Protein backbone atom coordinates (compact mmCIF):
# COMPACT_ATOMS: atom_id res chain seq x y z
CA MET A 1 -2.90 18.88 30.49
CA GLY A 2 -0.18 16.53 31.70
CA GLY A 3 -2.33 13.56 30.64
CA LEU A 4 -2.49 14.77 27.07
CA ARG A 5 1.28 15.11 26.95
CA ALA A 6 1.69 11.56 28.28
CA ARG A 7 -0.67 10.21 25.60
CA GLU A 8 1.27 12.07 22.90
CA LEU A 9 4.52 10.55 24.15
CA CYS A 10 2.98 7.06 24.18
CA PHE A 11 1.82 7.52 20.57
CA LEU A 12 5.27 8.71 19.48
CA LYS A 13 6.90 5.75 21.23
CA GLU A 14 4.50 3.36 19.46
CA VAL A 15 5.28 4.88 16.05
CA GLN A 16 9.03 4.99 16.72
CA ASP A 17 9.06 1.28 17.57
CA LYS A 18 7.72 0.34 14.12
CA PRO A 19 9.96 0.05 11.06
CA LEU A 20 9.65 2.81 8.47
CA TYR A 21 9.08 2.06 4.80
CA CYS A 22 8.55 3.83 1.51
CA MET A 23 9.65 7.22 0.25
CA CYS A 24 7.12 8.76 2.65
CA ARG A 25 8.98 7.10 5.56
CA GLY A 26 5.69 5.85 6.95
CA VAL A 27 4.86 2.67 8.82
CA ASP A 28 3.10 -0.39 7.45
CA ASP A 29 -0.48 0.86 7.67
CA GLY A 30 -2.01 -2.35 6.35
CA SER A 31 -2.49 -1.02 2.83
CA PHE A 32 -1.07 -2.71 -0.27
CA MET A 33 2.72 -2.51 -0.50
CA VAL A 34 5.15 -3.49 -3.25
CA ALA A 35 8.85 -4.35 -2.92
CA CYS A 36 11.47 -2.89 -5.25
CA ASP A 37 13.56 -5.73 -6.67
CA VAL A 38 16.53 -3.37 -7.11
CA CYS A 39 16.85 -1.71 -3.70
CA GLU A 40 14.73 -4.27 -1.77
CA GLU A 41 12.78 -1.48 -0.02
CA TRP A 42 9.00 -1.75 0.51
CA PHE A 43 6.67 1.00 -0.76
CA HIS A 44 3.01 1.84 -0.24
CA GLY A 45 1.30 1.20 -3.56
CA LYS A 46 -0.44 4.58 -3.37
CA CYS A 47 2.93 6.36 -2.99
CA VAL A 48 4.44 4.78 -6.12
CA GLY A 49 1.26 4.65 -8.20
CA VAL A 50 0.80 0.86 -8.20
CA THR A 51 -2.60 -0.62 -7.40
CA GLU A 52 -2.98 -4.02 -5.79
CA GLU A 53 -4.51 -5.28 -9.04
CA ASP A 54 -1.46 -4.05 -11.00
CA GLY A 55 0.86 -5.49 -8.36
CA ASP A 56 -0.60 -8.96 -8.91
CA LYS A 57 0.50 -8.75 -12.56
CA ILE A 58 4.07 -7.55 -11.90
CA ASP A 59 6.87 -10.14 -11.83
CA LEU A 60 9.66 -7.66 -11.06
CA TYR A 61 9.25 -4.10 -9.80
CA ALA A 62 11.77 -1.26 -9.74
CA ARG A 63 10.64 2.11 -8.48
CA PRO A 64 11.34 4.86 -11.05
CA ASP A 65 14.27 6.43 -9.19
CA SER A 66 15.90 3.16 -8.09
CA ARG A 67 19.26 2.10 -9.44
CA LYS A 68 22.08 -0.18 -8.43
CA ASP A 69 25.25 1.56 -7.25
């Protein structure tokens, strides 16, 4: 049982060491991501409804709820 706990802690440490992105606050999982040109945050395409094909056609992207303060 102690071994399972140690593995869980190692996994959490690995995830905590990676930067978080997107509105889902997930890590870079290798899937297509798009950067918001307003807030400069990176988002998983699937979370913001942008496919990689669509992303190739976009010159500037602003997520729907992004605005300059």
